[in-house]
Amino acid sequence: MLRTTAAAIALTLAAGPALAQDGAQLFNMQCKMCHGGSPMGPALGGVAGGPVAAKAFAYSPGLKNKGGTWTDANLDAFLKAPSAFAPGTKMLISVPADGNRKAIIEYLKTLK
């Protein structure tokens, strides 16, 4: 079931730049189910510009060992290919469309 849901989300995210107009809408459609109070992912308020793997969450060793800060470039690389950015990460969903990643990152910057 989780794999089916992940595949459906990946297909939706790949739909293209038309969705990139609204980062909040993209976040609510694609990210909120895991990052909106679920134990599946950490809350993302204040994540942009903050240290990697610093929220209260059981991160994978790959992400814990990454270190550094969630810059736009790091967020973009992680959203584009989570397992390439941090091998062994628990995040299964990627955001293949450049415009969608940019919109989500801009939205994350508004979360405090």
PDB file of N, CA and C in Angstrom:
ATOM      1  N   MET A   1       0.830  -1.198   0.000  1.00  0.00           N
ATOM      2  CA  MET A   1       0.000   0.000   0.000  1.00  0.00           C
ATOM      3  C   MET A   1       0.864   1.248   0.000  1.00  0.00           C
ATOM      4  N   LEU A   2       1.913   1.266   0.859  1.00  0.00           N
ATOM      5  CA  LEU A   2       2.796   2.426   0.917  1.00  0.00           C
ATOM      6  C   LEU A   2       3.496   2.635  -0.414  1.00  0.00           C
ATOM      7  N   ARG A   3       3.933   1.568  -1.049  1.00  0.00           N
ATOM      8  CA  ARG A   3       4.599   1.705  -2.339  1.00  0.00           C
ATOM      9  C   ARG A   3       3.640   2.248  -3.397  1.00  0.00           C
ATOM     10  N   THR A   4       2.403   1.795  -3.379  1.00  0.00           N
ATOM     11  CA  THR A   4       1.406   2.284  -4.329  1.00  0.00           C
ATOM     12  C   THR A   4       1.168   3.764  -4.118  1.00  0.00           C
ATOM     13  N   THR A   5       1.032   4.187  -2.876  1.00  0.00           N
ATOM     14  CA  THR A   5       0.827   5.600  -2.567  1.00  0.00           C
ATOM     15  C   THR A   5       2.036   6.412  -3.002  1.00  0.00           C
ATOM     16  N   ALA A   6       3.233   5.921  -2.727  1.00  0.00           N
ATOM     17  CA  ALA A   6       4.449   6.622  -3.111  1.00  0.00           C
ATOM     18  C   ALA A   6       4.528   6.773  -4.629  1.00  0.00           C
ATOM     19  N   ALA A   7       4.172   5.730  -5.351  1.00  0.00           N
ATOM     20  CA  ALA A   7       4.196   5.802  -6.813  1.00  0.00           C
ATOM     21  C   ALA A   7       3.180   6.816  -7.323  1.00  0.00           C
ATOM     22  N   ALA A   8       2.012   6.840  -6.726  1.00  0.00           N
ATOM     23  CA  ALA A   8       0.991   7.806  -7.151  1.00  0.00           C
ATOM     24  C   ALA A   8       1.447   9.231  -6.878  1.00  0.00           C
ATOM     25  N   ILE A   9       2.082   9.441  -5.744  1.00  0.00           N
ATOM     26  CA  ILE A   9       2.571  10.777  -5.410  1.00  0.00           C
ATOM     27  C   ILE A   9       3.679  11.181  -6.378  1.00  0.00           C
ATOM     28  N   ALA A  10       4.593  10.268  -6.662  1.00  0.00           N
ATOM     29  CA  ALA A  10       5.675  10.575  -7.591  1.00  0.00           C
ATOM     30  C   ALA A  10       5.134  10.956  -8.957  1.00  0.00           C
ATOM     31  N   LEU A  11       4.099  10.258  -9.415  1.00  0.00           N
ATOM     32  CA  LEU A  11       3.498  10.593 -10.701  1.00  0.00           C
ATOM     33  C   LEU A  11       2.849  11.969 -10.658  1.00  0.00           C
ATOM     34  N   THR A  12       2.197  12.293  -9.557  1.00  0.00           N
ATOM     35  CA  THR A  12       1.571  13.601  -9.417  1.00  0.00           C
ATOM     36  C   THR A  12       2.620  14.690  -9.416  1.00  0.00           C
ATOM     37  N   LEU A  13       3.728  14.467  -8.689  1.00  0.00           N
ATOM     38  CA  LEU A  13       4.792  15.466  -8.621  1.00  0.00           C
ATOM     39  C   LEU A  13       5.473  15.661  -9.975  1.00  0.00           C
ATOM     40  N   ALA A  14       5.477  14.623 -10.784  1.00  0.00           N
ATOM     41  CA  ALA A  14       6.117  14.720 -12.089  1.00  0.00           C
ATOM     42  C   ALA A  14       5.227  15.415 -13.113  1.00  0.00           C
ATOM     43  N   ALA A  15       4.037  15.812 -12.711  1.00  0.00           N
ATOM     44  CA  ALA A  15       3.069  16.374 -13.644  1.00  0.00           C
ATOM     45  C   ALA A  15       3.555  17.646 -14.319  1.00  0.00           C
ATOM     46  N   GLY A  16       4.472  18.375 -13.718  1.00  0.00           N
ATOM     47  CA  GLY A  16       5.078  19.488 -14.417  1.00  0.00           C
ATOM     48  C   GLY A  16       4.982  20.819 -13.735  1.00  0.00           C
ATOM     49  N   PRO A  17       5.566  21.808 -14.400  1.00  0.00           N
ATOM     50  CA  PRO A  17       5.697  23.145 -13.840  1.00  0.00           C
ATOM     51  C   PRO A  17       4.384  23.865 -13.561  1.00  0.00           C
ATOM     52  N   ALA A  18       3.283  23.445 -14.171  1.00  0.00           N
ATOM     53  CA  ALA A  18       2.014  24.132 -13.928  1.00  0.00           C
ATOM     54  C   ALA A  18       1.659  24.087 -12.446  1.00  0.00           C
ATOM     55  N   LEU A  19       2.009  23.014 -11.767  1.00  0.00           N
ATOM     56  CA  LEU A  19       1.728  22.888 -10.338  1.00  0.00           C
ATOM     57  C   LEU A  19       2.652  23.763  -9.487  1.00  0.00           C
ATOM     58  N   ALA A  20       3.756  24.194 -10.042  1.00  0.00           N
ATOM     59  CA  ALA A  20       4.755  24.937  -9.286  1.00  0.00           C
ATOM     60  C   ALA A  20       4.324  26.342  -8.910  1.00  0.00           C
ATOM     61  N   GLN A  21       3.166  26.765  -9.333  1.00  0.00           N
ATOM     62  CA  GLN A  21       2.679  28.115  -9.028  1.00  0.00           C
ATOM     63  C   GLN A  21       2.375  28.289  -7.555  1.00  0.00           C
ATOM     64  N   ASP A  22       2.107  27.244  -6.846  1.00  0.00           N
ATOM     65  CA  ASP A  22       1.672  27.364  -5.471  1.00  0.00           C
ATOM     66  C   ASP A  22       2.373  26.337  -4.582  1.00  0.00           C
ATOM     67  N   GLY A  23       3.476  26.754  -3.956  1.00  0.00           N
ATOM     68  CA  GLY A  23       4.242  25.860  -3.092  1.00  0.00           C
ATOM     69  C   GLY A  23       3.426  25.343  -1.923  1.00  0.00           C
ATOM     70  N   ALA A  24       2.555  26.187  -1.372  1.00  0.00           N
ATOM     71  CA  ALA A  24       1.712  25.754  -0.257  1.00  0.00           C
ATOM     72  C   ALA A  24       0.774  24.647  -0.710  1.00  0.00           C
ATOM     73  N   GLN A  25       0.201  24.799  -1.876  1.00  0.00           N
ATOM     74  CA  GLN A  25      -0.704  23.776  -2.398  1.00  0.00           C
ATOM     75  C   GLN A  25       0.066  22.481  -2.650  1.00  0.00           C
ATOM     76  N   LEU A  26       1.249  22.589  -3.232  1.00  0.00           N
ATOM     77  CA  LEU A  26       2.063  21.396  -3.472  1.00  0.00           C
ATOM     78  C   LEU A  26       2.405  20.704  -2.154  1.00  0.00           C
ATOM     79  N   PHE A  27       2.818  21.500  -1.175  1.00  0.00           N
ATOM     80  CA  PHE A  27       3.152  20.941   0.132  1.00  0.00           C
ATOM     81  C   PHE A  27       1.944  20.213   0.719  1.00  0.00           C
ATOM     82  N   ASN A  28       0.797  20.867   0.691  1.00  0.00           N
ATOM     83  CA  ASN A  28      -0.408  20.258   1.265  1.00  0.00           C
ATOM     84  C   ASN A  28      -0.822  18.990   0.526  1.00  0.00           C
ATOM     85  N   MET A  29      -0.608  18.949  -0.764  1.00  0.00           N
ATOM     86  CA  MET A  29      -0.979  17.776  -1.563  1.00  0.00           C
ATOM     87  C   MET A  29       0.014  16.628  -1.424  1.00  0.00           C
ATOM     88  N   GLN A  30       1.308  16.968  -1.310  1.00  0.00           N
ATOM     89  CA  GLN A  30       2.326  15.944  -1.448  1.00  0.00           C
ATOM     90  C   GLN A  30       3.140  15.672  -0.178  1.00  0.00           C
ATOM     91  N   CYS A  31       3.279  16.650   0.686  1.00  0.00           N
ATOM     92  CA  CYS A  31       4.216  16.534   1.806  1.00  0.00           C
ATOM     93  C   CYS A  31       3.542  16.435   3.166  1.00  0.00           C
ATOM     94  N   LYS A  32       2.401  17.068   3.268  1.00  0.00           N
ATOM     95  CA  LYS A  32       1.749  17.220   4.569  1.00  0.00           C
ATOM     96  C   LYS A  32       1.379  15.891   5.221  1.00  0.00           C
ATOM     97  N   MET A  33       1.063  14.876   4.431  1.00  0.00           N
ATOM     98  CA  MET A  33       0.649  13.610   5.032  1.00  0.00           C
ATOM     99  C   MET A  33       1.757  13.022   5.907  1.00  0.00           C
ATOM    100  N   CYS A  34       3.005  13.275   5.587  1.00  0.00           N
ATOM    101  CA  CYS A  34       4.109  12.780   6.419  1.00  0.00           C
ATOM    102  C   CYS A  34       4.708  13.876   7.299  1.00  0.00           C
ATOM    103  N   HIS A  35       4.632  15.108   6.850  1.00  0.00           N
ATOM    104  CA  HIS A  35       5.288  16.210   7.561  1.00  0.00           C
ATOM    105  C   HIS A  35       4.298  17.179   8.197  1.00  0.00           C
ATOM    106  N   GLY A  36       3.120  16.701   8.501  1.00  0.00           N
ATOM    107  CA  GLY A  36       2.106  17.551   9.110  1.00  0.00           C
ATOM    108  C   GLY A  36       1.566  16.974  10.402  1.00  0.00           C
ATOM    109  N   GLY A  37       2.435  16.541  11.276  1.00  0.00           N
ATOM    110  CA  GLY A  37       1.988  15.991  12.546  1.00  0.00           C
ATOM    111  C   GLY A  37       1.958  14.475  12.582  1.00  0.00           C
ATOM    112  N   SER A  38       2.443  13.840  11.549  1.00  0.00           N
ATOM    113  CA  SER A  38       2.511  12.387  11.481  1.00  0.00           C
ATOM    114  C   SER A  38       3.852  11.927  12.041  1.00  0.00           C
ATOM    115  N   PRO A  39       3.903  10.750  12.641  1.00  0.00           N
ATOM    116  CA  PRO A  39       5.206  10.236  13.092  1.00  0.00           C
ATOM    117  C   PRO A  39       6.100   9.770  11.935  1.00  0.00           C
ATOM    118  N   MET A  40       5.587   9.826  10.705  1.00  0.00           N
ATOM    119  CA  MET A  40       6.365   9.371   9.555  1.00  0.00           C
ATOM    120  C   MET A  40       7.468  10.341   9.158  1.00  0.00           C
ATOM    121  N   GLY A  41       7.314  11.624   9.487  1.00  0.00           N
ATOM    122  CA  GLY A  41       8.322  12.612   9.112  1.00  0.00           C
ATOM    123  C   GLY A  41       8.284  13.781  10.076  1.00  0.00           C
ATOM    124  N   PRO A  42       9.394  14.505  10.185  1.00  0.00           N
ATOM    125  CA  PRO A  42       9.424  15.638  11.109  1.00  0.00           C
ATOM    126  C   PRO A  42       8.594  16.809  10.595  1.00  0.00           C
ATOM    127  N   ALA A  43       8.109  17.630  11.526  1.00  0.00           N
ATOM    128  CA  ALA A  43       7.472  18.895  11.139  1.00  0.00           C
ATOM    129  C   ALA A  43       8.553  19.755  10.494  1.00  0.00           C
ATOM    130  N   LEU A  44       8.190  20.574   9.529  1.00  0.00           N
ATOM    131  CA  LEU A  44       9.193  21.298   8.749  1.00  0.00           C
ATOM    132  C   LEU A  44       9.239  22.796   9.031  1.00  0.00           C
ATOM    133  N   GLY A  45       8.542  23.271  10.043  1.00  0.00           N
ATOM    134  CA  GLY A  45       8.631  24.674  10.417  1.00  0.00           C
ATOM    135  C   GLY A  45      10.058  25.010  10.829  1.00  0.00           C
ATOM    136  N   GLY A  46      10.635  26.019  10.215  1.00  0.00           N
ATOM    137  CA  GLY A  46      12.001  26.440  10.529  1.00  0.00           C
ATOM    138  C   GLY A  46      13.090  25.580   9.923  1.00  0.00           C
ATOM    139  N   VAL A  47      12.729  24.623   9.088  1.00  0.00           N
ATOM    140  CA  VAL A  47      13.747  23.743   8.505  1.00  0.00           C
ATOM    141  C   VAL A  47      14.635  24.506   7.517  1.00  0.00           C
ATOM    142  N   ALA A  48      14.060  25.362   6.680  1.00  0.00           N
ATOM    143  CA  ALA A  48      14.852  26.116   5.694  1.00  0.00           C
ATOM    144  C   ALA A  48      15.819  27.027   6.435  1.00  0.00           C
ATOM    145  N   GLY A  49      17.083  26.876   6.143  1.00  0.00           N
ATOM    146  CA  GLY A  49      18.123  27.662   6.791  1.00  0.00           C
ATOM    147  C   GLY A  49      18.621  27.066   8.093  1.00  0.00           C
ATOM    148  N   GLY A  50      17.964  26.016   8.563  1.00  0.00           N
ATOM    149  CA  GLY A  50      18.365  25.360   9.812  1.00  0.00           C
ATOM    150  C   GLY A  50      19.305  24.202   9.562  1.00  0.00           C
ATOM    151  N   PRO A  51      19.832  23.639  10.637  1.00  0.00           N
ATOM    152  CA  PRO A  51      20.748  22.503  10.492  1.00  0.00           C
ATOM    153  C   PRO A  51      20.033  21.245   9.998  1.00  0.00           C
ATOM    154  N   VAL A  52      20.727  20.464   9.223  1.00  0.00           N
ATOM    155  CA  VAL A  52      20.198  19.200   8.695  1.00  0.00           C
ATOM    156  C   VAL A  52      20.007  18.223   9.857  1.00  0.00           C
ATOM    157  N   ALA A  53      18.881  17.530   9.856  1.00  0.00           N
ATOM    158  CA  ALA A  53      18.563  16.474  10.828  1.00  0.00           C
ATOM    159  C   ALA A  53      18.581  16.982  12.271  1.00  0.00           C
ATOM    160  N   ALA A  54      18.050  18.188  12.504  1.00  0.00           N
ATOM    161  CA  ALA A  54      18.079  18.767  13.846  1.00  0.00           C
ATOM    162  C   ALA A  54      16.729  18.756  14.548  1.00  0.00           C
ATOM    163  N   LYS A  55      15.679  18.434  13.847  1.00  0.00           N
ATOM    164  CA  LYS A  55      14.340  18.394  14.454  1.00  0.00           C
ATOM    165  C   LYS A  55      14.207  17.141  15.325  1.00  0.00           C
ATOM    166  N   ALA A  56      13.208  17.127  16.171  1.00  0.00           N
ATOM    167  CA  ALA A  56      12.933  15.947  16.991  1.00  0.00           C
ATOM    168  C   ALA A  56      12.334  14.870  16.087  1.00  0.00           C
ATOM    169  N   PHE A  57      13.163  13.929  15.672  1.00  0.00           N
ATOM    170  CA  PHE A  57      12.737  12.858  14.774  1.00  0.00           C
ATOM    171  C   PHE A  57      13.833  11.798  14.753  1.00  0.00           C
ATOM    172  N   ALA A  58      13.469  10.558  14.498  1.00  0.00           N
ATOM    173  CA  ALA A  58      14.429   9.454  14.398  1.00  0.00           C
ATOM    174  C   ALA A  58      14.983   9.395  12.970  1.00  0.00           C
ATOM    175  N   TYR A  59      15.942  10.258  12.668  1.00  0.00           N
ATOM    176  CA  TYR A  59      16.534  10.328  11.333  1.00  0.00           C
ATOM    177  C   TYR A  59      17.389   9.104  11.034  1.00  0.00           C
ATOM    178  N   SER A  60      17.549   8.824   9.757  1.00  0.00           N
ATOM    179  CA  SER A  60      18.444   7.759   9.321  1.00  0.00           C
ATOM    180  C   SER A  60      19.888   8.198   9.580  1.00  0.00           C
ATOM    181  N   PRO A  61      20.791   7.239   9.760  1.00  0.00           N
ATOM    182  CA  PRO A  61      22.204   7.608   9.934  1.00  0.00           C
ATOM    183  C   PRO A  61      22.735   8.426   8.756  1.00  0.00           C
ATOM    184  N   GLY A  62      22.279   8.120   7.546  1.00  0.00           N
ATOM    185  CA  GLY A  62      22.745   8.858   6.368  1.00  0.00           C
ATOM    186  C   GLY A  62      22.430  10.337   6.459  1.00  0.00           C
ATOM    187  N   LEU A  63      21.249  10.675   6.931  1.00  0.00           N
ATOM    188  CA  LEU A  63      20.875  12.087   7.045  1.00  0.00           C
ATOM    189  C   LEU A  63      21.543  12.710   8.267  1.00  0.00           C
ATOM    190  N   LYS A  64      21.633  11.976   9.372  1.00  0.00           N
ATOM    191  CA  LYS A  64      22.302  12.497  10.567  1.00  0.00           C
ATOM    192  C   LYS A  64      23.757  12.840  10.270  1.00  0.00           C
ATOM    193  N   ASN A  65      24.413  11.997   9.500  1.00  0.00           N
ATOM    194  CA  ASN A  65      25.829  12.195   9.190  1.00  0.00           C
ATOM    195  C   ASN A  65      26.074  13.242   8.117  1.00  0.00           C
ATOM    196  N   LYS A  66      25.021  13.685   7.463  1.00  0.00           N
ATOM    197  CA  LYS A  66      25.157  14.657   6.381  1.00  0.00           C
ATOM    198  C   LYS A  66      25.712  15.975   6.909  1.00  0.00           C
ATOM    199  N   GLY A  67      25.184  16.441   8.026  1.00  0.00           N
ATOM    200  CA  GLY A  67      25.649  17.706   8.591  1.00  0.00           C
ATOM    201  C   GLY A  67      25.279  18.882   7.704  1.00  0.00           C
ATOM    202  N   GLY A  68      25.715  20.054   8.102  1.00  0.00           N
ATOM    203  CA  GLY A  68      25.472  21.244   7.309  1.00  0.00           C
ATOM    204  C   GLY A  68      24.122  21.869   7.587  1.00  0.00           C
ATOM    205  N   THR A  69      23.707  22.704   6.660  1.00  0.00           N
ATOM    206  CA  THR A  69      22.499  23.507   6.787  1.00  0.00           C
ATOM    207  C   THR A  69      21.574  23.225   5.618  1.00  0.00           C
ATOM    208  N   TRP A  70      20.275  23.379   5.862  1.00  0.00           N
ATOM    209  CA  TRP A  70      19.292  23.234   4.787  1.00  0.00           C
ATOM    210  C   TRP A  70      19.259  24.524   3.966  1.00  0.00           C
ATOM    211  N   THR A  71      20.249  24.668   3.091  1.00  0.00           N
ATOM    212  CA  THR A  71      20.274  25.772   2.135  1.00  0.00           C
ATOM    213  C   THR A  71      19.297  25.450   1.011  1.00  0.00           C
ATOM    214  N   ASP A  72      19.034  26.426   0.157  1.00  0.00           N
ATOM    215  CA  ASP A  72      18.183  26.157  -1.009  1.00  0.00           C
ATOM    216  C   ASP A  72      18.769  25.013  -1.834  1.00  0.00           C
ATOM    217  N   ALA A  73      20.091  25.031  -2.018  1.00  0.00           N
ATOM    218  CA  ALA A  73      20.739  24.000  -2.832  1.00  0.00           C
ATOM    219  C   ALA A  73      20.605  22.621  -2.193  1.00  0.00           C
ATOM    220  N   ASN A  74      20.787  22.534  -0.879  1.00  0.00           N
ATOM    221  CA  ASN A  74      20.649  21.243  -0.206  1.00  0.00           C
ATOM    222  C   ASN A  74      19.205  20.749  -0.218  1.00  0.00           C
ATOM    223  N   LEU A  75      18.262  21.653   0.037  1.00  0.00           N
ATOM    224  CA  LEU A  75      16.852  21.261  -0.036  1.00  0.00           C
ATOM    225  C   LEU A  75      16.508  20.776  -1.435  1.00  0.00           C
ATOM    226  N   ASP A  76      16.999  21.482  -2.451  1.00  0.00           N
ATOM    227  CA  ASP A  76      16.723  21.103  -3.831  1.00  0.00           C
ATOM    228  C   ASP A  76      17.296  19.717  -4.131  1.00  0.00           C
ATOM    229  N   ALA A  77      18.544  19.490  -3.732  1.00  0.00           N
ATOM    230  CA  ALA A  77      19.176  18.188  -3.988  1.00  0.00           C
ATOM    231  C   ALA A  77      18.442  17.070  -3.248  1.00  0.00           C
ATOM    232  N   PHE A  78      18.027  17.328  -2.019  1.00  0.00           N
ATOM    233  CA  PHE A  78      17.325  16.312  -1.241  1.00  0.00           C
ATOM    234  C   PHE A  78      15.962  16.003  -1.838  1.00  0.00           C
ATOM    235  N   LEU A  79      15.214  17.042  -2.189  1.00  0.00           N
ATOM    236  CA  LEU A  79      13.893  16.826  -2.775  1.00  0.00           C
ATOM    237  C   LEU A  79      13.981  16.145  -4.140  1.00  0.00           C
ATOM    238  N   LYS A  80      15.027  16.440  -4.889  1.00  0.00           N
ATOM    239  CA  LYS A  80      15.194  15.848  -6.225  1.00  0.00           C
ATOM    240  C   LYS A  80      15.510  14.357  -6.138  1.00  0.00           C
ATOM    241  N   ALA A  81      16.397  13.994  -5.232  1.00  0.00           N
ATOM    242  CA  ALA A  81      16.822  12.594  -5.113  1.00  0.00           C
ATOM    243  C   ALA A  81      17.242  12.323  -3.671  1.00  0.00           C
ATOM    244  N   PRO A  82      16.279  12.079  -2.784  1.00  0.00           N
ATOM    245  CA  PRO A  82      16.599  11.913  -1.370  1.00  0.00           C
ATOM    246  C   PRO A  82      17.689  10.875  -1.088  1.00  0.00           C
ATOM    247  N   SER A  83      17.608   9.703  -1.703  1.00  0.00           N
ATOM    248  CA  SER A  83      18.593   8.655  -1.406  1.00  0.00           C
ATOM    249  C   SER A  83      19.965   8.945  -1.993  1.00  0.00           C
ATOM    250  N   ALA A  84      20.047   9.781  -3.005  1.00  0.00           N
ATOM    251  CA  ALA A  84      21.358  10.196  -3.523  1.00  0.00           C
ATOM    252  C   ALA A  84      21.973  11.237  -2.596  1.00  0.00           C
ATOM    253  N   PHE A  85      21.148  12.125  -2.043  1.00  0.00           N
ATOM    254  CA  PHE A  85      21.625  13.155  -1.128  1.00  0.00           C
ATOM    255  C   PHE A  85      22.071  12.541   0.191  1.00  0.00           C
ATOM    256  N   ALA A  86      21.285  11.623   0.728  1.00  0.00           N
ATOM    257  CA  ALA A  86      21.579  10.984   2.013  1.00  0.00           C
ATOM    258  C   ALA A  86      21.230   9.500   1.910  1.00  0.00           C
ATOM    259  N   PRO A  87      22.190   8.680   1.470  1.00  0.00           N
ATOM    260  CA  PRO A  87      21.914   7.251   1.331  1.00  0.00           C
ATOM    261  C   PRO A  87      21.329   6.659   2.622  1.00  0.00           C
ATOM    262  N   GLY A  88      20.279   5.880   2.463  1.00  0.00           N
ATOM    263  CA  GLY A  88      19.620   5.261   3.595  1.00  0.00           C
ATOM    264  C   GLY A  88      18.530   6.116   4.220  1.00  0.00           C
ATOM    265  N   THR A  89      18.270   7.297   3.631  1.00  0.00           N
ATOM    266  CA  THR A  89      17.232   8.164   4.176  1.00  0.00           C
ATOM    267  C   THR A  89      15.897   7.451   4.231  1.00  0.00           C
ATOM    268  N   LYS A  90      15.045   7.888   5.155  1.00  0.00           N
ATOM    269  CA  LYS A  90      13.711   7.315   5.278  1.00  0.00           C
ATOM    270  C   LYS A  90      12.736   7.948   4.297  1.00  0.00           C
ATOM    271  N   MET A  91      13.121   9.063   3.686  1.00  0.00           N
ATOM    272  CA  MET A  91      12.219   9.749   2.759  1.00  0.00           C
ATOM    273  C   MET A  91      12.188   8.999   1.429  1.00  0.00           C
ATOM    274  N   LEU A  92      10.987   8.571   1.052  1.00  0.00           N
ATOM    275  CA  LEU A  92      10.819   7.772  -0.160  1.00  0.00           C
ATOM    276  C   LEU A  92      10.403   8.600  -1.370  1.00  0.00           C
ATOM    277  N   ILE A  93       9.870   9.782  -1.129  1.00  0.00           N
ATOM    278  CA  ILE A  93       9.267  10.578  -2.195  1.00  0.00           C
ATOM    279  C   ILE A  93      10.262  11.597  -2.725  1.00  0.00           C
ATOM    280  N   SER A  94      10.343  11.703  -4.037  1.00  0.00           N
ATOM    281  CA  SER A  94      11.166  12.738  -4.659  1.00  0.00           C
ATOM    282  C   SER A  94      10.244  13.720  -5.382  1.00  0.00           C
ATOM    283  N   VAL A  95      10.815  14.856  -5.724  1.00  0.00           N
ATOM    284  CA  VAL A  95      10.078  15.876  -6.481  1.00  0.00           C
ATOM    285  C   VAL A  95      10.882  16.126  -7.752  1.00  0.00           C
ATOM    286  N   PRO A  96      10.561  15.439  -8.838  1.00  0.00           N
ATOM    287  CA  PRO A  96      11.381  15.519 -10.047  1.00  0.00           C
ATOM    288  C   PRO A  96      11.309  16.851 -10.796  1.00  0.00           C
ATOM    289  N   ALA A  97      10.206  17.558 -10.720  1.00  0.00           N
ATOM    290  CA  ALA A  97      10.053  18.795 -11.508  1.00  0.00           C
ATOM    291  C   ALA A  97      10.747  19.976 -10.816  1.00  0.00           C
ATOM    292  N   ASP A  98      11.667  20.615 -11.531  1.00  0.00           N
ATOM    293  CA  ASP A  98      12.433  21.743 -10.992  1.00  0.00           C
ATOM    294  C   ASP A  98      11.527  22.828 -10.412  1.00  0.00           C
ATOM    295  N   GLY A  99      10.507  23.211 -11.127  1.00  0.00           N
ATOM    296  CA  GLY A  99       9.607  24.270 -10.680  1.00  0.00           C
ATOM    297  C   GLY A  99       8.859  23.903  -9.415  1.00  0.00           C
ATOM    298  N   ASN A 100       8.494  22.640  -9.305  1.00  0.00           N
ATOM    299  CA  ASN A 100       7.797  22.189  -8.103  1.00  0.00           C
ATOM    300  C   ASN A 100       8.718  22.229  -6.891  1.00  0.00           C
ATOM    301  N   ARG A 101       9.973  21.791  -7.080  1.00  0.00           N
ATOM    302  CA  ARG A 101      10.935  21.851  -5.973  1.00  0.00           C
ATOM    303  C   ARG A 101      11.151  23.290  -5.528  1.00  0.00           C
ATOM    304  N   LYS A 102      11.309  24.178  -6.483  1.00  0.00           N
ATOM    305  CA  LYS A 102      11.529  25.588  -6.151  1.00  0.00           C
ATOM    306  C   LYS A 102      10.332  26.152  -5.376  1.00  0.00           C
ATOM    307  N   ALA A 103       9.129  25.836  -5.819  1.00  0.00           N
ATOM    308  CA  ALA A 103       7.922  26.334  -5.150  1.00  0.00           C
ATOM    309  C   ALA A 103       7.827  25.783  -3.730  1.00  0.00           C
ATOM    310  N   ILE A 104       8.120  24.517  -3.546  1.00  0.00           N
ATOM    311  CA  ILE A 104       8.065  23.922  -2.208  1.00  0.00           C
ATOM    312  C   ILE A 104       9.123  24.546  -1.308  1.00  0.00           C
ATOM    313  N   ILE A 105      10.320  24.754  -1.825  1.00  0.00           N
ATOM    314  CA  ILE A 105      11.389  25.376  -1.032  1.00  0.00           C
ATOM    315  C   ILE A 105      10.992  26.780  -0.611  1.00  0.00           C
ATOM    316  N   GLU A 106      10.424  27.539  -1.521  1.00  0.00           N
ATOM    317  CA  GLU A 106       9.982  28.898  -1.170  1.00  0.00           C
ATOM    318  C   GLU A 106       8.902  28.845  -0.097  1.00  0.00           C
ATOM    319  N   TYR A 107       8.025  27.885  -0.176  1.00  0.00           N
ATOM    320  CA  TYR A 107       7.007  27.724   0.852  1.00  0.00           C
ATOM    321  C   TYR A 107       7.641  27.342   2.192  1.00  0.00           C
ATOM    322  N   LEU A 108       8.597  26.421   2.166  1.00  0.00           N
ATOM    323  CA  LEU A 108       9.251  26.005   3.417  1.00  0.00           C
ATOM    324  C   LEU A 108       9.885  27.199   4.125  1.00  0.00           C
ATOM    325  N   LYS A 109      10.363  28.160   3.369  1.00  0.00           N
ATOM    326  CA  LYS A 109      10.977  29.360   3.960  1.00  0.00           C
ATOM    327  C   LYS A 109       9.963  30.204   4.745  1.00  0.00           C
ATOM    328  N   THR A 110       8.688  30.023   4.456  1.00  0.00           N
ATOM    329  CA  THR A 110       7.654  30.795   5.158  1.00  0.00           C
ATOM    330  C   THR A 110       7.227  30.125   6.458  1.00  0.00           C
ATOM    331  N   LEU A 111       7.600  28.861   6.643  1.00  0.00           N
ATOM    332  CA  LEU A 111       7.203  28.112   7.832  1.00  0.00           C
ATOM    333  C   LEU A 111       8.147  28.423   8.976  1.00  0.00           C
ATOM    334  N   LYS A 112       7.621  28.907  10.044  1.00  0.00           N
ATOM    335  CA  LYS A 112       8.466  29.249  11.209  1.00  0.00           C
ATOM    336  C   LYS A 112       8.196  28.348  12.359  1.00  0.00           C
TER     337      LYS A 112
END
